[in-house]
């Protein structure tokens, strides 16, 4: 089982890794890259974090995946919400 979660902080080479590194790793290991889960989330119900209304998230992804998503850091990149965001 290979599960890689990349939060992707700003100005830390996230875009480079998303475009150049992670696709190569996913292809080599034959695993899913960015399983389509977050597009199904109703953003109107989010106050603090993209995962705040999510239950059993680990059951919704394949056994082998790489997920790279900047929204996992905090909603709108608000540094005042980092502490709460990391709880999710």
PDB file of N, CA and C in Angstrom:
ATOM      1  N   UNK A   1       0.849  -1.171   0.000  1.00  0.00           N
ATOM      2  CA  UNK A   1       0.000   0.000   0.000  1.00  0.00           C
ATOM      3  C   UNK A   1       0.895   1.234   0.000  1.00  0.00           C
ATOM      4  N   UNK A   2       0.654   2.136  -0.936  1.00  0.00           N
ATOM      5  CA  UNK A   2       1.404   3.381  -1.021  1.00  0.00           C
ATOM      6  C   UNK A   2       0.423   4.530  -0.937  1.00  0.00           C
ATOM      7  N   UNK A   3       0.523   5.337   0.104  1.00  0.00           N
ATOM      8  CA  UNK A   3      -0.329   6.511   0.259  1.00  0.00           C
ATOM      9  C   UNK A   3       0.565   7.687   0.604  1.00  0.00           C
ATOM     10  N   UNK A   4       0.564   8.661  -0.284  1.00  0.00           N
ATOM     11  CA  UNK A   4       1.377   9.851  -0.080  1.00  0.00           C
ATOM     12  C   UNK A   4       0.467  11.057  -0.091  1.00  0.00           C
ATOM     13  N   UNK A   5       0.514  11.826   0.971  1.00  0.00           N
ATOM     14  CA  UNK A   5      -0.267  13.054   1.094  1.00  0.00           C
ATOM     15  C   UNK A   5       0.707  14.218   1.094  1.00  0.00           C
ATOM     16  N   UNK A   6       0.582  15.086   0.102  1.00  0.00           N
ATOM     17  CA  UNK A   6       1.435  16.264  -0.001  1.00  0.00           C
ATOM     18  C   UNK A   6       0.551  17.487   0.163  1.00  0.00           C
ATOM     19  N   UNK A   7       0.763  18.235   1.229  1.00  0.00           N
ATOM     20  CA  UNK A   7      -0.069  19.399   1.515  1.00  0.00           C
ATOM     21  C   UNK A   7       0.254  20.552   0.574  1.00  0.00           C
ATOM     22  N   UNK A   8       1.478  20.757   0.232  1.00  0.00           N
ATOM     23  CA  UNK A   8       1.836  21.753  -0.765  1.00  0.00           C
ATOM     24  C   UNK A   8       1.803  23.188  -0.290  1.00  0.00           C
ATOM     25  N   UNK A   9       2.698  23.545   0.580  1.00  0.00           N
ATOM     26  CA  UNK A   9       2.764  24.925   1.050  1.00  0.00           C
ATOM     27  C   UNK A   9       3.266  25.850  -0.055  1.00  0.00           C
ATOM     28  N   UNK A  10       2.817  27.070   0.004  1.00  0.00           N
ATOM     29  CA  UNK A  10       3.184  28.062  -1.003  1.00  0.00           C
ATOM     30  C   UNK A  10       4.686  28.337  -0.993  1.00  0.00           C
ATOM     31  N   UNK A  11       5.239  28.522  -2.183  1.00  0.00           N
ATOM     32  CA  UNK A  11       6.658  28.859  -2.375  1.00  0.00           C
ATOM     33  C   UNK A  11       7.600  27.770  -1.881  1.00  0.00           C
ATOM     34  N   UNK A  12       7.154  26.526  -1.952  1.00  0.00           N
ATOM     35  CA  UNK A  12       7.981  25.389  -1.523  1.00  0.00           C
ATOM     36  C   UNK A  12       8.114  24.352  -2.639  1.00  0.00           C
ATOM     37  N   UNK A  13       8.071  24.792  -3.873  1.00  0.00           N
ATOM     38  CA  UNK A  13       8.236  23.938  -5.058  1.00  0.00           C
ATOM     39  C   UNK A  13       7.073  22.983  -5.277  1.00  0.00           C
ATOM     40  N   UNK A  14       5.903  23.286  -4.747  1.00  0.00           N
ATOM     41  CA  UNK A  14       4.742  22.409  -4.899  1.00  0.00           C
ATOM     42  C   UNK A  14       4.345  22.224  -6.357  1.00  0.00           C
ATOM     43  N   UNK A  15       4.268  23.305  -7.107  1.00  0.00           N
ATOM     44  CA  UNK A  15       3.860  23.214  -8.504  1.00  0.00           C
ATOM     45  C   UNK A  15       4.850  22.372  -9.299  1.00  0.00           C
ATOM     46  N   UNK A  16       6.117  22.565  -9.070  1.00  0.00           N
ATOM     47  CA  UNK A  16       7.139  21.767  -9.741  1.00  0.00           C
ATOM     48  C   UNK A  16       6.942  20.289  -9.422  1.00  0.00           C
ATOM     49  N   UNK A  17       6.746  19.987  -8.149  1.00  0.00           N
ATOM     50  CA  UNK A  17       6.566  18.597  -7.739  1.00  0.00           C
ATOM     51  C   UNK A  17       5.289  18.013  -8.342  1.00  0.00           C
ATOM     52  N   UNK A  18       4.218  18.807  -8.404  1.00  0.00           N
ATOM     53  CA  UNK A  18       2.951  18.333  -8.955  1.00  0.00           C
ATOM     54  C   UNK A  18       3.051  18.041 -10.448  1.00  0.00           C
ATOM     55  N   UNK A  19       3.848  18.814 -11.158  1.00  0.00           N
ATOM     56  CA  UNK A  19       3.949  18.660 -12.604  1.00  0.00           C
ATOM     57  C   UNK A  19       5.109  17.766 -13.050  1.00  0.00           C
ATOM     58  N   UNK A  20       6.187  17.734 -12.293  1.00  0.00           N
ATOM     59  CA  UNK A  20       7.384  17.037 -12.733  1.00  0.00           C
ATOM     60  C   UNK A  20       7.712  15.760 -11.936  1.00  0.00           C
ATOM     61  N   UNK A  21       7.472  15.773 -10.655  1.00  0.00           N
ATOM     62  CA  UNK A  21       7.914  14.666  -9.799  1.00  0.00           C
ATOM     63  C   UNK A  21       6.815  13.629  -9.564  1.00  0.00           C
ATOM     64  N   UNK A  22       5.679  14.066  -9.051  1.00  0.00           N
ATOM     65  CA  UNK A  22       4.620  13.132  -8.676  1.00  0.00           C
ATOM     66  C   UNK A  22       4.072  12.311  -9.853  1.00  0.00           C
ATOM     67  N   UNK A  23       3.896  12.881 -11.049  1.00  0.00           N
ATOM     68  CA  UNK A  23       3.437  12.043 -12.166  1.00  0.00           C
ATOM     69  C   UNK A  23       4.410  10.904 -12.490  1.00  0.00           C
ATOM     70  N   UNK A  24       5.692  11.162 -12.381  1.00  0.00           N
ATOM     71  CA  UNK A  24       6.689  10.122 -12.651  1.00  0.00           C
ATOM     72  C   UNK A  24       6.639   9.024 -11.593  1.00  0.00           C
ATOM     73  N   UNK A  25       6.497   9.417 -10.338  1.00  0.00           N
ATOM     74  CA  UNK A  25       6.402   8.437  -9.254  1.00  0.00           C
ATOM     75  C   UNK A  25       5.141   7.594  -9.427  1.00  0.00           C
ATOM     76  N   UNK A  26       4.019   8.258  -9.715  1.00  0.00           N
ATOM     77  CA  UNK A  26       2.748   7.546  -9.884  1.00  0.00           C
ATOM     78  C   UNK A  26       2.821   6.553 -11.041  1.00  0.00           C
ATOM     79  N   UNK A  27       3.439   6.971 -12.136  1.00  0.00           N
ATOM     80  CA  UNK A  27       3.558   6.079 -13.290  1.00  0.00           C
ATOM     81  C   UNK A  27       4.458   4.886 -12.965  1.00  0.00           C
ATOM     82  N   UNK A  28       5.574   5.167 -12.328  1.00  0.00           N
ATOM     83  CA  UNK A  28       6.520   4.098 -12.000  1.00  0.00           C
ATOM     84  C   UNK A  28       5.912   3.075 -11.038  1.00  0.00           C
ATOM     85  N   UNK A  29       5.151   3.550 -10.068  1.00  0.00           N
ATOM     86  CA  UNK A  29       4.547   2.664  -9.073  1.00  0.00           C
ATOM     87  C   UNK A  29       3.148   2.186  -9.474  1.00  0.00           C
ATOM     88  N   UNK A  30       2.653   2.693 -10.612  1.00  0.00           N
ATOM     89  CA  UNK A  30       1.315   2.345 -11.104  1.00  0.00           C
ATOM     90  C   UNK A  30       0.243   2.628 -10.050  1.00  0.00           C
ATOM     91  N   UNK A  31       0.230   3.867  -9.573  1.00  0.00           N
ATOM     92  CA  UNK A  31      -0.750   4.272  -8.568  1.00  0.00           C
ATOM     93  C   UNK A  31      -1.496   5.511  -9.037  1.00  0.00           C
ATOM     94  N   UNK A  32      -2.638   5.780  -8.399  1.00  0.00           N
ATOM     95  CA  UNK A  32      -3.464   6.932  -8.748  1.00  0.00           C
ATOM     96  C   UNK A  32      -2.799   8.222  -8.293  1.00  0.00           C
ATOM     97  N   UNK A  33      -2.899   9.232  -9.125  1.00  0.00           N
ATOM     98  CA  UNK A  33      -2.413  10.567  -8.769  1.00  0.00           C
ATOM     99  C   UNK A  33      -3.620  11.471  -8.624  1.00  0.00           C
ATOM    100  N   UNK A  34      -3.784  12.059  -7.463  1.00  0.00           N
ATOM    101  CA  UNK A  34      -4.896  12.953  -7.151  1.00  0.00           C
ATOM    102  C   UNK A  34      -6.260  12.334  -7.437  1.00  0.00           C
ATOM    103  N   UNK A  35      -6.632  11.317  -6.672  1.00  0.00           N
ATOM    104  CA  UNK A  35      -7.974  10.756  -6.839  1.00  0.00           C
ATOM    105  C   UNK A  35      -9.018  11.868  -6.731  1.00  0.00           C
ATOM    106  N   UNK A  36     -10.013  11.832  -7.577  1.00  0.00           N
ATOM    107  CA  UNK A  36     -10.997  12.916  -7.665  1.00  0.00           C
ATOM    108  C   UNK A  36     -11.988  12.842  -6.510  1.00  0.00           C
ATOM    109  N   UNK A  37     -11.622  13.428  -5.408  1.00  0.00           N
ATOM    110  CA  UNK A  37     -12.512  13.466  -4.251  1.00  0.00           C
ATOM    111  C   UNK A  37     -12.926  14.895  -3.927  1.00  0.00           C
ATOM    112  N   UNK A  38     -12.004  15.821  -3.971  1.00  0.00           N
ATOM    113  CA  UNK A  38     -12.260  17.177  -3.519  1.00  0.00           C
ATOM    114  C   UNK A  38     -13.224  17.948  -4.415  1.00  0.00           C
ATOM    115  N   UNK A  39     -13.345  17.565  -5.679  1.00  0.00           N
ATOM    116  CA  UNK A  39     -14.282  18.256  -6.559  1.00  0.00           C
ATOM    117  C   UNK A  39     -15.733  17.969  -6.162  1.00  0.00           C
ATOM    118  N   UNK A  40     -15.957  16.945  -5.360  1.00  0.00           N
ATOM    119  CA  UNK A  40     -17.305  16.577  -4.937  1.00  0.00           C
ATOM    120  C   UNK A  40     -17.724  17.252  -3.630  1.00  0.00           C
ATOM    121  N   UNK A  41     -16.836  17.994  -3.022  1.00  0.00           N
ATOM    122  CA  UNK A  41     -17.123  18.646  -1.748  1.00  0.00           C
ATOM    123  C   UNK A  41     -17.888  19.940  -1.992  1.00  0.00           C
ATOM    124  N   UNK A  42     -18.948  20.143  -1.222  1.00  0.00           N
ATOM    125  CA  UNK A  42     -19.747  21.366  -1.321  1.00  0.00           C
ATOM    126  C   UNK A  42     -19.010  22.481  -0.576  1.00  0.00           C
ATOM    127  N   UNK A  43     -18.373  23.358  -1.324  1.00  0.00           N
ATOM    128  CA  UNK A  43     -17.543  24.402  -0.702  1.00  0.00           C
ATOM    129  C   UNK A  43     -18.359  25.431   0.070  1.00  0.00           C
ATOM    130  N   UNK A  44     -19.658  25.509  -0.140  1.00  0.00           N
ATOM    131  CA  UNK A  44     -20.480  26.478   0.595  1.00  0.00           C
ATOM    132  C   UNK A  44     -20.619  26.099   2.068  1.00  0.00           C
ATOM    133  N   UNK A  45     -20.320  24.833   2.417  1.00  0.00           N
ATOM    134  CA  UNK A  45     -20.425  24.372   3.797  1.00  0.00           C
ATOM    135  C   UNK A  45     -19.097  24.423   4.542  1.00  0.00           C
ATOM    136  N   UNK A  46     -18.057  24.912   3.891  1.00  0.00           N
ATOM    137  CA  UNK A  46     -16.730  24.940   4.499  1.00  0.00           C
ATOM    138  C   UNK A  46     -16.504  26.275   5.202  1.00  0.00           C
ATOM    139  N   UNK A  47     -16.117  26.205   6.483  1.00  0.00           N
ATOM    140  CA  UNK A  47     -15.775  27.405   7.233  1.00  0.00           C
ATOM    141  C   UNK A  47     -14.261  27.548   7.401  1.00  0.00           C
ATOM    142  N   UNK A  48     -13.612  26.448   7.760  1.00  0.00           N
ATOM    143  CA  UNK A  48     -12.200  26.502   8.099  1.00  0.00           C
ATOM    144  C   UNK A  48     -11.304  25.672   7.183  1.00  0.00           C
ATOM    145  N   UNK A  49     -11.761  24.484   6.824  1.00  0.00           N
ATOM    146  CA  UNK A  49     -10.875  23.543   6.144  1.00  0.00           C
ATOM    147  C   UNK A  49     -11.665  22.641   5.212  1.00  0.00           C
ATOM    148  N   UNK A  50     -11.061  22.242   4.119  1.00  0.00           N
ATOM    149  CA  UNK A  50     -11.720  21.415   3.110  1.00  0.00           C
ATOM    150  C   UNK A  50     -12.170  20.056   3.649  1.00  0.00           C
ATOM    151  N   UNK A  51     -11.584  19.605   4.737  1.00  0.00           N
ATOM    152  CA  UNK A  51     -11.933  18.301   5.309  1.00  0.00           C
ATOM    153  C   UNK A  51     -12.850  18.380   6.521  1.00  0.00           C
ATOM    154  N   UNK A  52     -13.314  19.553   6.887  1.00  0.00           N
ATOM    155  CA  UNK A  52     -14.035  19.685   8.152  1.00  0.00           C
ATOM    156  C   UNK A  52     -15.358  18.908   8.194  1.00  0.00           C
ATOM    157  N   UNK A  53     -16.008  18.672   7.083  1.00  0.00           N
ATOM    158  CA  UNK A  53     -17.268  17.934   7.068  1.00  0.00           C
ATOM    159  C   UNK A  53     -17.098  16.530   6.494  1.00  0.00           C
ATOM    160  N   UNK A  54     -15.894  16.015   6.569  1.00  0.00           N
ATOM    161  CA  UNK A  54     -15.573  14.732   5.961  1.00  0.00           C
ATOM    162  C   UNK A  54     -15.438  13.651   7.019  1.00  0.00           C
ATOM    163  N   UNK A  55     -16.026  12.511   6.738  1.00  0.00           N
ATOM    164  CA  UNK A  55     -15.911  11.354   7.628  1.00  0.00           C
ATOM    165  C   UNK A  55     -15.329  10.191   6.847  1.00  0.00           C
ATOM    166  N   UNK A  56     -14.512   9.395   7.498  1.00  0.00           N
ATOM    167  CA  UNK A  56     -13.941   8.188   6.895  1.00  0.00           C
ATOM    168  C   UNK A  56     -13.264   8.457   5.557  1.00  0.00           C
ATOM    169  N   UNK A  57     -12.505   9.514   5.492  1.00  0.00           N
ATOM    170  CA  UNK A  57     -11.842   9.894   4.244  1.00  0.00           C
ATOM    171  C   UNK A  57     -10.950   8.784   3.711  1.00  0.00           C
ATOM    172  N   UNK A  58     -10.262   8.088   4.597  1.00  0.00           N
ATOM    173  CA  UNK A  58      -9.332   7.054   4.154  1.00  0.00           C
ATOM    174  C   UNK A  58     -10.037   5.923   3.401  1.00  0.00           C
ATOM    175  N   UNK A  59     -11.319   5.740   3.622  1.00  0.00           N
ATOM    176  CA  UNK A  59     -12.070   4.691   2.931  1.00  0.00           C
ATOM    177  C   UNK A  59     -12.506   5.121   1.526  1.00  0.00           C
ATOM    178  N   UNK A  60     -12.407   6.395   1.230  1.00  0.00           N
ATOM    179  CA  UNK A  60     -12.883   6.915  -0.052  1.00  0.00           C
ATOM    180  C   UNK A  60     -11.804   6.955  -1.126  1.00  0.00           C
ATOM    181  N   UNK A  61     -10.585   6.676  -0.756  1.00  0.00           N
ATOM    182  CA  UNK A  61      -9.480   6.689  -1.703  1.00  0.00           C
ATOM    183  C   UNK A  61      -9.037   5.261  -2.011  1.00  0.00           C
ATOM    184  N   UNK A  62      -8.383   5.079  -3.155  1.00  0.00           N
ATOM    185  CA  UNK A  62      -7.837   3.757  -3.454  1.00  0.00           C
ATOM    186  C   UNK A  62      -6.720   3.392  -2.464  1.00  0.00           C
ATOM    187  N   UNK A  63      -6.310   2.153  -2.463  1.00  0.00           N
ATOM    188  CA  UNK A  63      -5.255   1.712  -1.554  1.00  0.00           C
ATOM    189  C   UNK A  63      -3.912   2.324  -1.876  1.00  0.00           C
ATOM    190  N   UNK A  64      -3.700   2.671  -3.130  1.00  0.00           N
ATOM    191  CA  UNK A  64      -2.422   3.238  -3.559  1.00  0.00           C
ATOM    192  C   UNK A  64      -2.695   4.562  -4.266  1.00  0.00           C
ATOM    193  N   UNK A  65      -2.186   5.652  -3.709  1.00  0.00           N
ATOM    194  CA  UNK A  65      -2.394   6.949  -4.342  1.00  0.00           C
ATOM    195  C   UNK A  65      -1.368   7.972  -3.880  1.00  0.00           C
ATOM    196  N   UNK A  66      -1.270   9.033  -4.655  1.00  0.00           N
ATOM    197  CA  UNK A  66      -0.543  10.246  -4.272  1.00  0.00           C
ATOM    198  C   UNK A  66      -1.563  11.370  -4.346  1.00  0.00           C
ATOM    199  N   UNK A  67      -1.698  12.099  -3.274  1.00  0.00           N
ATOM    200  CA  UNK A  67      -2.623  13.223  -3.237  1.00  0.00           C
ATOM    201  C   UNK A  67      -1.825  14.483  -2.940  1.00  0.00           C
ATOM    202  N   UNK A  68      -1.887  15.443  -3.821  1.00  0.00           N
ATOM    203  CA  UNK A  68      -1.209  16.708  -3.606  1.00  0.00           C
ATOM    204  C   UNK A  68      -2.244  17.812  -3.757  1.00  0.00           C
ATOM    205  N   UNK A  69      -2.485  18.535  -2.674  1.00  0.00           N
ATOM    206  CA  UNK A  69      -3.586  19.500  -2.640  1.00  0.00           C
ATOM    207  C   UNK A  69      -3.229  20.652  -1.709  1.00  0.00           C
ATOM    208  N   UNK A  70      -3.141  21.854  -2.255  1.00  0.00           N
ATOM    209  CA  UNK A  70      -2.792  23.023  -1.443  1.00  0.00           C
ATOM    210  C   UNK A  70      -3.882  23.382  -0.447  1.00  0.00           C
ATOM    211  N   UNK A  71      -5.135  23.096  -0.763  1.00  0.00           N
ATOM    212  CA  UNK A  71      -6.235  23.444   0.133  1.00  0.00           C
ATOM    213  C   UNK A  71      -6.169  22.699   1.464  1.00  0.00           C
ATOM    214  N   UNK A  72      -5.341  21.675   1.558  1.00  0.00           N
ATOM    215  CA  UNK A  72      -5.198  20.967   2.822  1.00  0.00           C
ATOM    216  C   UNK A  72      -4.456  21.800   3.860  1.00  0.00           C
ATOM    217  N   UNK A  73      -3.774  22.828   3.423  1.00  0.00           N
ATOM    218  CA  UNK A  73      -3.058  23.711   4.348  1.00  0.00           C
ATOM    219  C   UNK A  73      -4.047  24.525   5.176  1.00  0.00           C
ATOM    220  N   UNK A  74      -4.928  25.241   4.501  1.00  0.00           N
ATOM    221  CA  UNK A  74      -5.946  26.033   5.173  1.00  0.00           C
ATOM    222  C   UNK A  74      -6.813  26.702   4.119  1.00  0.00           C
ATOM    223  N   UNK A  75      -8.033  26.955   4.467  1.00  0.00           N
ATOM    224  CA  UNK A  75      -8.956  27.601   3.543  1.00  0.00           C
ATOM    225  C   UNK A  75      -8.460  29.003   3.220  1.00  0.00           C
ATOM    226  N   UNK A  76      -8.252  29.274   1.957  1.00  0.00           N
ATOM    227  CA  UNK A  76      -7.824  30.614   1.540  1.00  0.00           C
ATOM    228  C   UNK A  76      -6.439  31.002   2.016  1.00  0.00           C
ATOM    229  N   UNK A  77      -5.629  30.021   2.404  1.00  0.00           N
ATOM    230  CA  UNK A  77      -4.267  30.285   2.866  1.00  0.00           C
ATOM    231  C   UNK A  77      -4.225  31.264   4.039  1.00  0.00           C
ATOM    232  N   UNK A  78      -5.203  31.162   4.911  1.00  0.00           N
ATOM    233  CA  UNK A  78      -5.276  32.056   6.058  1.00  0.00           C
ATOM    234  C   UNK A  78      -4.414  31.498   7.186  1.00  0.00           C
ATOM    235  N   UNK A  79      -3.310  32.157   7.439  1.00  0.00           N
ATOM    236  CA  UNK A  79      -2.371  31.674   8.452  1.00  0.00           C
ATOM    237  C   UNK A  79      -2.978  31.674   9.851  1.00  0.00           C
ATOM    238  N   UNK A  80      -3.989  32.506  10.081  1.00  0.00           N
ATOM    239  CA  UNK A  80      -4.620  32.539  11.393  1.00  0.00           C
ATOM    240  C   UNK A  80      -5.407  31.265  11.679  1.00  0.00           C
ATOM    241  N   UNK A  81      -5.652  30.450  10.640  1.00  0.00           N
ATOM    242  CA  UNK A  81      -6.430  29.226  10.809  1.00  0.00           C
ATOM    243  C   UNK A  81      -5.577  27.961  10.742  1.00  0.00           C
ATOM    244  N   UNK A  82      -4.293  28.107  10.726  1.00  0.00           N
ATOM    245  CA  UNK A  82      -3.411  26.938  10.560  1.00  0.00           C
ATOM    246  C   UNK A  82      -3.615  25.918  11.665  1.00  0.00           C
ATOM    247  N   UNK A  83      -3.648  26.365  12.908  1.00  0.00           N
ATOM    248  CA  UNK A  83      -3.773  25.447  14.035  1.00  0.00           C
ATOM    249  C   UNK A  83      -5.032  24.591  13.897  1.00  0.00           C
ATOM    250  N   UNK A  84      -6.129  25.221  13.589  1.00  0.00           N
ATOM    251  CA  UNK A  84      -7.398  24.486  13.432  1.00  0.00           C
ATOM    252  C   UNK A  84      -7.346  23.580  12.204  1.00  0.00           C
ATOM    253  N   UNK A  85      -6.729  24.037  11.122  1.00  0.00           N
ATOM    254  CA  UNK A  85      -6.646  23.255   9.901  1.00  0.00           C
ATOM    255  C   UNK A  85      -5.872  21.956  10.112  1.00  0.00           C
ATOM    256  N   UNK A  86      -4.806  22.010  10.891  1.00  0.00           N
ATOM    257  CA  UNK A  86      -4.011  20.804  11.107  1.00  0.00           C
ATOM    258  C   UNK A  86      -4.750  19.766  11.946  1.00  0.00           C
ATOM    259  N   UNK A  87      -5.745  20.177  12.706  1.00  0.00           N
ATOM    260  CA  UNK A  87      -6.562  19.196  13.433  1.00  0.00           C
ATOM    261  C   UNK A  87      -7.333  18.320  12.453  1.00  0.00           C
ATOM    262  N   UNK A  88      -7.775  18.928  11.363  1.00  0.00           N
ATOM    263  CA  UNK A  88      -8.497  18.156  10.345  1.00  0.00           C
ATOM    264  C   UNK A  88      -7.550  17.265   9.596  1.00  0.00           C
TER     265      UNK A  88
END
